[in-house]
Amino acid sequence: MKRMRWVPMLGMAAMVTLGGAVAGCGQTQGIYPDKEEGDTAPRMSNEKHETIFGDGGLFGGSSKGKDEQPVGIGVNSFLWRATLDTVAFMPLASADPFGGVILTDWYQMPETPNERFKLNIFIVDRMLRADGVKVSVFKQVRDGSGHWTDAQVDPRMGPDLENAILTRARQLRIVSQ
């Protein structure tokens, strides 16, 4: 039992180190003033500043175009909502609005209990565009012994789902205007 006493102390040391690292990311006004070398006037607070993360910052906060969304969701909100609406009949395994990834769990249609489907959906753009969503479809069939084995998916199924999502996204956009 005596050997285990260092484990809580190691966790405490890690927390102190992490706290120091986070504290070091605070205000640096005294070290880096708001004016560049050679400037006589300080920068205005509404003046555009360049960052290593680009126009939108780390989480994409700019809203240049009509279809772009402010900070809060990392992908186009119409595509996101349309995707959730389109696959609402399937159980969700994971949904990440910042990364634009929706993963479903296996779904069996009542009409065909010996086959099941799973979807991986990626929203790849902040704009409402035809190539802004990608769907991967997986299919399994139950063999005679009751085991699930991978099966060939109809190649039109992925693009058909993408088109259904895009159609729903357009409907949501029209309604919102």
N, C-alpha and C. Protein backbone atom coordinates (compact mmCIF):
# COMPACT_ATOMS: atom_id res chain seq x y z
N MET A 1 0.81 -1.21 0.00
CA MET A 1 0.00 0.00 0.00
C MET A 1 0.85 1.27 0.00
N LYS A 2 2.03 1.22 0.59
CA LYS A 2 2.86 2.41 0.68
C LYS A 2 3.30 2.89 -0.69
N ARG A 3 3.42 2.00 -1.63
CA ARG A 3 3.84 2.38 -2.97
C ARG A 3 2.82 3.29 -3.66
N MET A 4 1.57 3.16 -3.33
CA MET A 4 0.50 3.89 -4.00
C MET A 4 0.38 5.34 -3.52
N ARG A 5 1.12 5.78 -2.50
CA ARG A 5 1.00 7.13 -1.98
C ARG A 5 1.48 8.18 -2.98
N TRP A 6 2.37 7.84 -3.86
CA TRP A 6 2.91 8.81 -4.81
C TRP A 6 1.93 9.11 -5.94
N VAL A 7 0.93 8.24 -6.16
CA VAL A 7 -0.01 8.45 -7.26
C VAL A 7 -0.80 9.74 -7.09
N PRO A 8 -1.41 10.01 -5.90
CA PRO A 8 -2.12 11.29 -5.75
C PRO A 8 -1.19 12.50 -5.86
N MET A 9 0.05 12.35 -5.39
CA MET A 9 1.00 13.46 -5.47
C MET A 9 1.38 13.73 -6.92
N LEU A 10 1.49 12.68 -7.73
CA LEU A 10 1.79 12.85 -9.14
C LEU A 10 0.65 13.58 -9.85
N GLY A 11 -0.58 13.22 -9.50
CA GLY A 11 -1.75 13.90 -10.07
C GLY A 11 -1.78 15.37 -9.67
N MET A 12 -1.43 15.65 -8.41
CA MET A 12 -1.41 17.04 -7.93
C MET A 12 -0.33 17.83 -8.66
N ALA A 13 0.83 17.22 -8.87
CA ALA A 13 1.91 17.91 -9.58
C ALA A 13 1.50 18.20 -11.02
N ALA A 14 0.80 17.27 -11.64
CA ALA A 14 0.33 17.49 -13.01
C ALA A 14 -0.67 18.64 -13.05
N MET A 15 -1.56 18.72 -12.06
CA MET A 15 -2.55 19.80 -12.03
C MET A 15 -1.88 21.16 -11.82
N VAL A 16 -0.87 21.23 -10.96
CA VAL A 16 -0.15 22.48 -10.72
C VAL A 16 0.56 22.93 -12.00
N THR A 17 1.20 21.98 -12.69
CA THR A 17 1.90 22.29 -13.93
C THR A 17 0.92 22.79 -14.98
N LEU A 18 -0.23 22.10 -15.12
CA LEU A 18 -1.25 22.51 -16.08
C LEU A 18 -1.81 23.89 -15.73
N GLY A 19 -2.02 24.14 -14.44
CA GLY A 19 -2.52 25.45 -14.01
C GLY A 19 -1.54 26.55 -14.35
N GLY A 20 -0.25 26.30 -14.16
CA GLY A 20 0.77 27.29 -14.51
C GLY A 20 0.81 27.55 -16.00
N ALA A 21 0.66 26.50 -16.79
CA ALA A 21 0.66 26.67 -18.25
C ALA A 21 -0.53 27.50 -18.70
N VAL A 22 -1.70 27.24 -18.12
CA VAL A 22 -2.89 28.01 -18.48
C VAL A 22 -2.76 29.45 -18.02
N ALA A 23 -2.22 29.66 -16.84
CA ALA A 23 -2.06 31.02 -16.33
C ALA A 23 -1.09 31.81 -17.20
N GLY A 24 -0.12 31.14 -17.77
CA GLY A 24 0.83 31.81 -18.65
C GLY A 24 0.21 32.30 -19.95
N CYS A 25 -1.00 31.84 -20.25
CA CYS A 25 -1.68 32.26 -21.48
C CYS A 25 -2.53 33.50 -21.24
N GLY A 26 -2.39 34.13 -20.12
CA GLY A 26 -3.23 35.27 -19.77
C GLY A 26 -2.83 36.56 -20.48
N GLN A 27 -3.21 37.68 -19.92
CA GLN A 27 -2.99 39.00 -20.51
C GLN A 27 -1.49 39.30 -20.58
N THR A 28 -1.04 39.77 -21.72
CA THR A 28 0.39 40.08 -21.92
C THR A 28 0.57 41.54 -22.29
N GLN A 29 -0.26 42.41 -21.80
CA GLN A 29 -0.26 43.81 -22.18
C GLN A 29 1.09 44.46 -21.88
N GLY A 30 1.67 44.16 -20.74
CA GLY A 30 2.92 44.81 -20.38
C GLY A 30 4.09 44.34 -21.23
N ILE A 31 4.08 43.12 -21.68
CA ILE A 31 5.19 42.58 -22.46
C ILE A 31 5.07 42.96 -23.93
N TYR A 32 3.86 42.86 -24.48
CA TYR A 32 3.62 43.14 -25.90
C TYR A 32 2.62 44.28 -26.03
N PRO A 33 3.08 45.49 -26.15
CA PRO A 33 2.15 46.62 -26.25
C PRO A 33 1.33 46.56 -27.53
N ASP A 34 0.25 47.35 -27.59
CA ASP A 34 -0.69 47.34 -28.71
C ASP A 34 -0.20 48.15 -29.91
N LYS A 35 1.03 48.48 -29.99
CA LYS A 35 1.51 49.17 -31.17
C LYS A 35 2.76 48.48 -31.69
N GLU A 36 2.87 48.50 -32.99
CA GLU A 36 4.02 47.88 -33.62
C GLU A 36 5.19 48.85 -33.62
N GLU A 37 6.39 48.34 -33.82
CA GLU A 37 7.58 49.18 -33.83
C GLU A 37 7.45 50.22 -34.93
N GLY A 38 7.68 51.46 -34.61
CA GLY A 38 7.57 52.54 -35.59
C GLY A 38 6.21 53.23 -35.55
N ASP A 39 5.18 52.59 -34.97
CA ASP A 39 3.87 53.22 -34.86
C ASP A 39 3.91 54.24 -33.73
N THR A 40 3.24 55.35 -33.94
CA THR A 40 3.15 56.34 -32.87
C THR A 40 1.80 56.27 -32.19
N ALA A 41 0.79 55.72 -32.88
CA ALA A 41 -0.54 55.64 -32.28
C ALA A 41 -0.84 54.18 -31.92
N PRO A 42 -1.50 53.98 -30.79
CA PRO A 42 -1.86 52.61 -30.45
C PRO A 42 -2.94 52.07 -31.40
N ARG A 43 -3.02 50.76 -31.51
CA ARG A 43 -4.06 50.15 -32.36
C ARG A 43 -5.42 50.36 -31.74
N MET A 44 -6.41 50.50 -32.60
CA MET A 44 -7.78 50.61 -32.14
C MET A 44 -8.30 49.19 -31.86
N SER A 45 -9.22 49.08 -30.92
CA SER A 45 -9.70 47.75 -30.54
C SER A 45 -10.48 47.08 -31.66
N ASN A 46 -11.09 47.83 -32.58
CA ASN A 46 -11.85 47.23 -33.67
C ASN A 46 -11.01 47.01 -34.92
N GLU A 47 -9.73 47.32 -34.85
CA GLU A 47 -8.84 47.14 -35.98
C GLU A 47 -8.56 45.66 -36.18
N LYS A 48 -8.47 45.22 -37.43
CA LYS A 48 -8.24 43.80 -37.74
C LYS A 48 -6.82 43.42 -37.37
N HIS A 49 -6.70 42.33 -36.60
CA HIS A 49 -5.41 41.80 -36.20
C HIS A 49 -5.24 40.44 -36.85
N GLU A 50 -4.06 40.18 -37.40
CA GLU A 50 -3.80 38.87 -37.98
C GLU A 50 -3.44 37.90 -36.88
N THR A 51 -3.89 36.63 -37.04
CA THR A 51 -3.55 35.60 -36.08
C THR A 51 -3.04 34.37 -36.82
N ILE A 52 -2.44 33.50 -36.09
CA ILE A 52 -1.95 32.26 -36.70
C ILE A 52 -3.09 31.32 -37.05
N PHE A 53 -4.29 31.58 -36.54
CA PHE A 53 -5.43 30.71 -36.79
C PHE A 53 -6.29 31.19 -37.97
N GLY A 54 -5.93 32.27 -38.63
CA GLY A 54 -6.69 32.74 -39.78
C GLY A 54 -7.78 33.71 -39.38
N ASP A 55 -8.67 34.01 -40.35
CA ASP A 55 -9.71 35.02 -40.15
C ASP A 55 -10.65 34.70 -39.00
N GLY A 56 -11.06 33.46 -38.87
CA GLY A 56 -12.07 33.11 -37.89
C GLY A 56 -11.54 32.77 -36.53
N GLY A 57 -10.24 32.80 -36.32
CA GLY A 57 -9.68 32.41 -35.05
C GLY A 57 -9.69 30.90 -34.93
N LEU A 58 -9.49 30.42 -33.74
CA LEU A 58 -9.41 28.99 -33.51
C LEU A 58 -10.72 28.28 -33.80
N PHE A 59 -11.85 28.91 -33.51
CA PHE A 59 -13.15 28.27 -33.69
C PHE A 59 -13.95 28.85 -34.84
N GLY A 60 -13.35 29.61 -35.73
CA GLY A 60 -14.03 30.09 -36.93
C GLY A 60 -15.07 31.14 -36.64
N GLY A 61 -14.70 32.25 -36.02
CA GLY A 61 -15.66 33.25 -35.60
C GLY A 61 -16.06 34.26 -36.65
N SER A 62 -15.49 34.24 -37.84
CA SER A 62 -15.89 35.25 -38.81
C SER A 62 -17.18 34.86 -39.47
N SER A 63 -17.87 35.83 -40.02
CA SER A 63 -19.09 35.52 -40.77
C SER A 63 -19.10 36.41 -42.00
N LYS A 64 -18.33 36.01 -43.00
CA LYS A 64 -18.21 36.80 -44.22
C LYS A 64 -19.41 36.60 -45.12
N GLY A 65 -19.74 35.36 -45.39
CA GLY A 65 -20.83 35.06 -46.31
C GLY A 65 -22.13 34.83 -45.59
N LYS A 66 -23.20 34.81 -46.35
CA LYS A 66 -24.52 34.63 -45.79
C LYS A 66 -24.70 33.26 -45.16
N ASP A 67 -24.03 32.23 -45.73
CA ASP A 67 -24.20 30.87 -45.25
C ASP A 67 -23.25 30.52 -44.12
N GLU A 68 -22.27 31.37 -43.82
CA GLU A 68 -21.34 31.06 -42.76
C GLU A 68 -21.99 31.37 -41.41
N GLN A 69 -21.61 30.60 -40.42
CA GLN A 69 -22.21 30.71 -39.10
C GLN A 69 -21.22 31.32 -38.12
N PRO A 70 -21.69 32.05 -37.10
CA PRO A 70 -20.80 32.59 -36.08
C PRO A 70 -20.30 31.47 -35.18
N VAL A 71 -19.45 31.86 -34.23
CA VAL A 71 -18.89 30.88 -33.31
C VAL A 71 -20.02 30.14 -32.60
N GLY A 72 -19.84 28.87 -32.37
CA GLY A 72 -20.85 28.08 -31.69
C GLY A 72 -21.03 26.75 -32.38
N ILE A 73 -20.90 26.73 -33.67
CA ILE A 73 -20.98 25.49 -34.43
C ILE A 73 -19.92 25.56 -35.51
N GLY A 74 -19.19 24.50 -35.72
CA GLY A 74 -18.06 24.52 -36.63
C GLY A 74 -18.40 24.27 -38.07
N VAL A 75 -19.67 23.97 -38.37
CA VAL A 75 -20.07 23.64 -39.74
C VAL A 75 -21.33 24.42 -40.09
N ASN A 76 -21.75 24.30 -41.33
CA ASN A 76 -22.96 24.99 -41.79
C ASN A 76 -24.17 24.46 -41.01
N SER A 77 -24.91 25.35 -40.39
CA SER A 77 -26.02 24.92 -39.53
C SER A 77 -27.16 24.30 -40.33
N PHE A 78 -27.37 24.73 -41.56
CA PHE A 78 -28.43 24.13 -42.38
C PHE A 78 -28.07 22.67 -42.72
N LEU A 79 -26.82 22.44 -43.10
CA LEU A 79 -26.39 21.07 -43.40
C LEU A 79 -26.44 20.20 -42.14
N TRP A 80 -26.05 20.77 -41.02
CA TRP A 80 -26.06 20.02 -39.76
C TRP A 80 -27.48 19.60 -39.40
N ARG A 81 -28.40 20.56 -39.40
CA ARG A 81 -29.79 20.27 -39.03
C ARG A 81 -30.43 19.32 -40.03
N ALA A 82 -30.16 19.53 -41.32
CA ALA A 82 -30.73 18.67 -42.36
C ALA A 82 -30.22 17.23 -42.22
N THR A 83 -28.96 17.07 -41.86
CA THR A 83 -28.40 15.74 -41.67
C THR A 83 -29.08 15.04 -40.50
N LEU A 84 -29.24 15.76 -39.40
CA LEU A 84 -29.91 15.16 -38.24
C LEU A 84 -31.36 14.81 -38.57
N ASP A 85 -32.04 15.68 -39.33
CA ASP A 85 -33.42 15.39 -39.74
C ASP A 85 -33.49 14.16 -40.64
N THR A 86 -32.56 14.05 -41.57
CA THR A 86 -32.58 12.97 -42.56
C THR A 86 -32.31 11.62 -41.92
N VAL A 87 -31.43 11.56 -40.95
CA VAL A 87 -31.08 10.27 -40.33
C VAL A 87 -31.74 10.10 -38.96
N ALA A 88 -32.81 10.83 -38.71
CA ALA A 88 -33.48 10.78 -37.41
C ALA A 88 -34.02 9.40 -37.07
N PHE A 89 -34.29 8.57 -38.07
CA PHE A 89 -34.82 7.24 -37.82
C PHE A 89 -33.75 6.26 -37.34
N MET A 90 -32.48 6.64 -37.47
CA MET A 90 -31.38 5.76 -37.08
C MET A 90 -30.84 6.20 -35.71
N PRO A 91 -30.38 5.25 -34.90
CA PRO A 91 -29.78 5.65 -33.61
C PRO A 91 -28.41 6.29 -33.84
N LEU A 92 -28.16 7.38 -33.14
CA LEU A 92 -26.87 8.07 -33.27
C LEU A 92 -25.85 7.48 -32.30
N ALA A 93 -24.67 7.23 -32.80
CA ALA A 93 -23.56 6.78 -31.95
C ALA A 93 -22.75 7.98 -31.49
N SER A 94 -22.62 9.00 -32.37
CA SER A 94 -21.82 10.17 -32.06
C SER A 94 -22.23 11.32 -32.96
N ALA A 95 -22.20 12.53 -32.41
CA ALA A 95 -22.48 13.73 -33.20
C ALA A 95 -21.59 14.86 -32.69
N ASP A 96 -20.72 15.37 -33.56
CA ASP A 96 -19.77 16.42 -33.21
C ASP A 96 -20.02 17.64 -34.08
N PRO A 97 -20.71 18.67 -33.56
CA PRO A 97 -21.02 19.84 -34.39
C PRO A 97 -19.82 20.70 -34.72
N PHE A 98 -18.72 20.59 -33.97
CA PHE A 98 -17.54 21.38 -34.28
C PHE A 98 -16.72 20.72 -35.39
N GLY A 99 -16.64 19.41 -35.36
CA GLY A 99 -15.91 18.68 -36.40
C GLY A 99 -16.78 18.32 -37.59
N GLY A 100 -18.09 18.41 -37.44
CA GLY A 100 -19.00 18.08 -38.52
C GLY A 100 -19.12 16.60 -38.79
N VAL A 101 -19.04 15.79 -37.75
CA VAL A 101 -19.09 14.34 -37.91
C VAL A 101 -20.32 13.78 -37.20
N ILE A 102 -21.09 12.98 -37.93
CA ILE A 102 -22.24 12.27 -37.36
C ILE A 102 -22.05 10.80 -37.69
N LEU A 103 -22.03 9.98 -36.66
CA LEU A 103 -21.90 8.54 -36.82
C LEU A 103 -23.16 7.89 -36.27
N THR A 104 -23.76 7.02 -37.06
CA THR A 104 -24.94 6.31 -36.58
C THR A 104 -24.52 4.94 -36.08
N ASP A 105 -25.39 4.35 -35.30
CA ASP A 105 -25.20 2.97 -34.90
C ASP A 105 -25.89 2.09 -35.95
N TRP A 106 -25.74 0.80 -35.84
CA TRP A 106 -26.37 -0.11 -36.80
C TRP A 106 -27.89 0.00 -36.70
N TYR A 107 -28.54 -0.02 -37.86
CA TYR A 107 -30.00 0.07 -37.93
C TYR A 107 -30.53 -1.05 -38.81
N GLN A 108 -31.50 -1.78 -38.28
CA GLN A 108 -32.17 -2.83 -39.05
C GLN A 108 -33.57 -2.35 -39.40
N MET A 109 -33.91 -2.43 -40.66
CA MET A 109 -35.27 -2.10 -41.07
C MET A 109 -36.18 -3.27 -40.70
N PRO A 110 -37.38 -3.01 -40.22
CA PRO A 110 -38.27 -4.10 -39.84
C PRO A 110 -38.60 -5.05 -41.01
N GLU A 111 -38.60 -4.50 -42.23
CA GLU A 111 -38.94 -5.32 -43.39
C GLU A 111 -37.83 -6.31 -43.74
N THR A 112 -36.60 -5.99 -43.40
CA THR A 112 -35.45 -6.84 -43.73
C THR A 112 -34.59 -7.05 -42.48
N PRO A 113 -35.01 -7.94 -41.58
CA PRO A 113 -34.28 -8.11 -40.32
C PRO A 113 -32.91 -8.78 -40.47
N ASN A 114 -32.60 -9.32 -41.63
CA ASN A 114 -31.30 -9.97 -41.82
C ASN A 114 -30.25 -9.06 -42.44
N GLU A 115 -30.54 -7.77 -42.54
CA GLU A 115 -29.52 -6.83 -42.99
C GLU A 115 -29.62 -5.57 -42.15
N ARG A 116 -28.48 -4.91 -41.99
CA ARG A 116 -28.44 -3.68 -41.20
C ARG A 116 -27.46 -2.71 -41.85
N PHE A 117 -27.67 -1.42 -41.53
CA PHE A 117 -26.89 -0.34 -42.14
C PHE A 117 -26.33 0.57 -41.07
N LYS A 118 -25.23 1.19 -41.41
CA LYS A 118 -24.57 2.17 -40.54
C LYS A 118 -24.06 3.29 -41.44
N LEU A 119 -24.11 4.55 -40.94
CA LEU A 119 -23.68 5.71 -41.72
C LEU A 119 -22.59 6.48 -40.99
N ASN A 120 -21.62 6.95 -41.76
CA ASN A 120 -20.65 7.94 -41.30
C ASN A 120 -20.86 9.16 -42.18
N ILE A 121 -21.23 10.28 -41.58
CA ILE A 121 -21.53 11.48 -42.33
C ILE A 121 -20.58 12.58 -41.91
N PHE A 122 -19.97 13.22 -42.92
CA PHE A 122 -19.01 14.29 -42.68
C PHE A 122 -19.49 15.56 -43.36
N ILE A 123 -19.68 16.61 -42.59
CA ILE A 123 -20.00 17.92 -43.15
C ILE A 123 -18.66 18.63 -43.27
N VAL A 124 -18.26 18.92 -44.50
CA VAL A 124 -16.89 19.34 -44.75
C VAL A 124 -16.76 20.82 -45.11
N ASP A 125 -17.83 21.59 -45.01
CA ASP A 125 -17.74 22.99 -45.38
C ASP A 125 -18.66 23.82 -44.50
N ARG A 126 -18.28 25.06 -44.30
CA ARG A 126 -19.13 25.99 -43.56
C ARG A 126 -20.16 26.65 -44.47
N MET A 127 -20.03 26.43 -45.75
CA MET A 127 -20.98 26.98 -46.73
C MET A 127 -21.98 25.91 -47.12
N LEU A 128 -23.16 26.33 -47.53
CA LEU A 128 -24.17 25.41 -48.03
C LEU A 128 -23.85 25.15 -49.49
N ARG A 129 -23.09 24.07 -49.74
CA ARG A 129 -22.64 23.73 -51.08
C ARG A 129 -22.97 22.27 -51.36
N ALA A 130 -23.04 21.93 -52.64
CA ALA A 130 -23.38 20.57 -53.04
C ALA A 130 -22.33 19.57 -52.57
N ASP A 131 -21.08 19.99 -52.47
CA ASP A 131 -20.02 19.07 -52.02
C ASP A 131 -19.70 19.27 -50.54
N GLY A 132 -20.61 19.85 -49.79
CA GLY A 132 -20.38 20.14 -48.39
C GLY A 132 -20.69 18.99 -47.45
N VAL A 133 -21.22 17.89 -47.97
CA VAL A 133 -21.55 16.74 -47.13
C VAL A 133 -21.12 15.46 -47.84
N LYS A 134 -20.53 14.55 -47.07
CA LYS A 134 -20.08 13.25 -47.59
C LYS A 134 -20.68 12.15 -46.71
N VAL A 135 -21.26 11.14 -47.35
CA VAL A 135 -21.89 10.05 -46.62
C VAL A 135 -21.21 8.74 -47.00
N SER A 136 -20.80 7.98 -45.99
CA SER A 136 -20.28 6.63 -46.19
C SER A 136 -21.30 5.66 -45.61
N VAL A 137 -21.70 4.67 -46.41
CA VAL A 137 -22.72 3.71 -45.99
C VAL A 137 -22.06 2.34 -45.83
N PHE A 138 -22.39 1.67 -44.74
CA PHE A 138 -21.89 0.32 -44.47
C PHE A 138 -23.08 -0.61 -44.30
N LYS A 139 -22.94 -1.80 -44.81
CA LYS A 139 -24.02 -2.78 -44.76
C LYS A 139 -23.48 -4.11 -44.27
N GLN A 140 -24.27 -4.79 -43.46
CA GLN A 140 -23.96 -6.14 -43.03
C GLN A 140 -25.19 -7.02 -43.19
N VAL A 141 -24.96 -8.28 -43.49
CA VAL A 141 -26.05 -9.25 -43.59
C VAL A 141 -25.76 -10.39 -42.61
N ARG A 142 -26.84 -10.98 -42.13
CA ARG A 142 -26.71 -12.09 -41.19
C ARG A 142 -26.63 -13.38 -41.98
N ASP A 143 -25.60 -14.16 -41.69
CA ASP A 143 -25.45 -15.45 -42.39
C ASP A 143 -26.28 -16.52 -41.69
N GLY A 144 -26.22 -17.73 -42.17
CA GLY A 144 -27.02 -18.84 -41.63
C GLY A 144 -26.75 -19.13 -40.16
N SER A 145 -25.53 -18.85 -39.69
CA SER A 145 -25.19 -19.13 -38.29
C SER A 145 -25.52 -17.96 -37.36
N GLY A 146 -26.05 -16.88 -37.91
CA GLY A 146 -26.44 -15.74 -37.08
C GLY A 146 -25.37 -14.67 -36.92
N HIS A 147 -24.24 -14.83 -37.58
CA HIS A 147 -23.16 -13.85 -37.50
C HIS A 147 -23.35 -12.79 -38.58
N TRP A 148 -22.96 -11.56 -38.25
CA TRP A 148 -23.04 -10.47 -39.21
C TRP A 148 -21.76 -10.42 -40.04
N THR A 149 -21.92 -10.32 -41.35
CA THR A 149 -20.76 -10.18 -42.25
C THR A 149 -20.97 -8.98 -43.14
N ASP A 150 -19.88 -8.33 -43.50
CA ASP A 150 -19.94 -7.15 -44.37
C ASP A 150 -20.47 -7.55 -45.74
N ALA A 151 -21.24 -6.63 -46.33
CA ALA A 151 -21.85 -6.89 -47.63
C ALA A 151 -21.66 -5.68 -48.52
N GLN A 152 -21.83 -5.89 -49.80
CA GLN A 152 -21.71 -4.82 -50.80
C GLN A 152 -22.90 -3.86 -50.67
N VAL A 153 -22.60 -2.57 -50.69
CA VAL A 153 -23.62 -1.53 -50.60
C VAL A 153 -23.91 -1.03 -52.02
N ASP A 154 -25.16 -0.75 -52.29
CA ASP A 154 -25.52 -0.16 -53.57
C ASP A 154 -24.76 1.16 -53.71
N PRO A 155 -23.97 1.35 -54.76
CA PRO A 155 -23.14 2.56 -54.88
C PRO A 155 -23.95 3.85 -54.97
N ARG A 156 -25.22 3.77 -55.26
CA ARG A 156 -26.05 4.98 -55.33
C ARG A 156 -26.56 5.42 -53.97
N MET A 157 -26.44 4.56 -52.95
CA MET A 157 -27.03 4.87 -51.65
C MET A 157 -26.38 6.10 -51.00
N GLY A 158 -25.05 6.20 -51.02
CA GLY A 158 -24.37 7.37 -50.44
C GLY A 158 -24.76 8.67 -51.12
N PRO A 159 -24.63 8.76 -52.46
CA PRO A 159 -25.05 9.99 -53.14
C PRO A 159 -26.53 10.30 -52.97
N ASP A 160 -27.38 9.28 -52.90
CA ASP A 160 -28.81 9.53 -52.68
C ASP A 160 -29.05 10.16 -51.32
N LEU A 161 -28.34 9.68 -50.30
CA LEU A 161 -28.47 10.27 -48.97
C LEU A 161 -27.92 11.69 -48.94
N GLU A 162 -26.79 11.91 -49.62
CA GLU A 162 -26.24 13.27 -49.71
C GLU A 162 -27.25 14.21 -50.36
N ASN A 163 -27.90 13.78 -51.42
CA ASN A 163 -28.90 14.62 -52.10
C ASN A 163 -30.11 14.88 -51.21
N ALA A 164 -30.53 13.88 -50.44
CA ALA A 164 -31.64 14.08 -49.52
C ALA A 164 -31.28 15.11 -48.45
N ILE A 165 -30.05 15.04 -47.95
CA ILE A 165 -29.59 16.01 -46.95
C ILE A 165 -29.54 17.41 -47.55
N LEU A 166 -29.00 17.53 -48.76
CA LEU A 166 -28.91 18.84 -49.41
C LEU A 166 -30.29 19.41 -49.69
N THR A 167 -31.23 18.58 -50.11
CA THR A 167 -32.60 19.05 -50.36
C THR A 167 -33.22 19.59 -49.08
N ARG A 168 -33.04 18.85 -47.98
CA ARG A 168 -33.58 19.30 -46.69
C ARG A 168 -32.89 20.58 -46.23
N ALA A 169 -31.59 20.70 -46.45
CA ALA A 169 -30.85 21.92 -46.06
C ALA A 169 -31.37 23.13 -46.83
N ARG A 170 -31.64 22.94 -48.11
CA ARG A 170 -32.20 24.05 -48.91
C ARG A 170 -33.57 24.46 -48.39
N GLN A 171 -34.39 23.47 -48.03
CA GLN A 171 -35.70 23.77 -47.46
C GLN A 171 -35.57 24.57 -46.17
N LEU A 172 -34.65 24.16 -45.31
CA LEU A 172 -34.45 24.87 -44.05
C LEU A 172 -33.96 26.29 -44.29
N ARG A 173 -33.11 26.47 -45.27
CA ARG A 173 -32.61 27.81 -45.58
C ARG A 173 -33.73 28.70 -46.10
N ILE A 174 -34.57 28.19 -46.97
CA ILE A 174 -35.69 28.97 -47.51
C ILE A 174 -36.65 29.38 -46.40
N VAL A 175 -36.95 28.45 -45.51
CA VAL A 175 -37.85 28.76 -44.40
C VAL A 175 -37.27 29.81 -43.48
N SER A 176 -35.96 29.83 -43.30
CA SER A 176 -35.32 30.76 -42.37
C SER A 176 -35.23 32.19 -42.90
N GLN A 177 -35.43 32.38 -44.20
CA GLN A 177 -35.27 33.72 -44.78
C GLN A 177 -36.49 34.58 -44.60
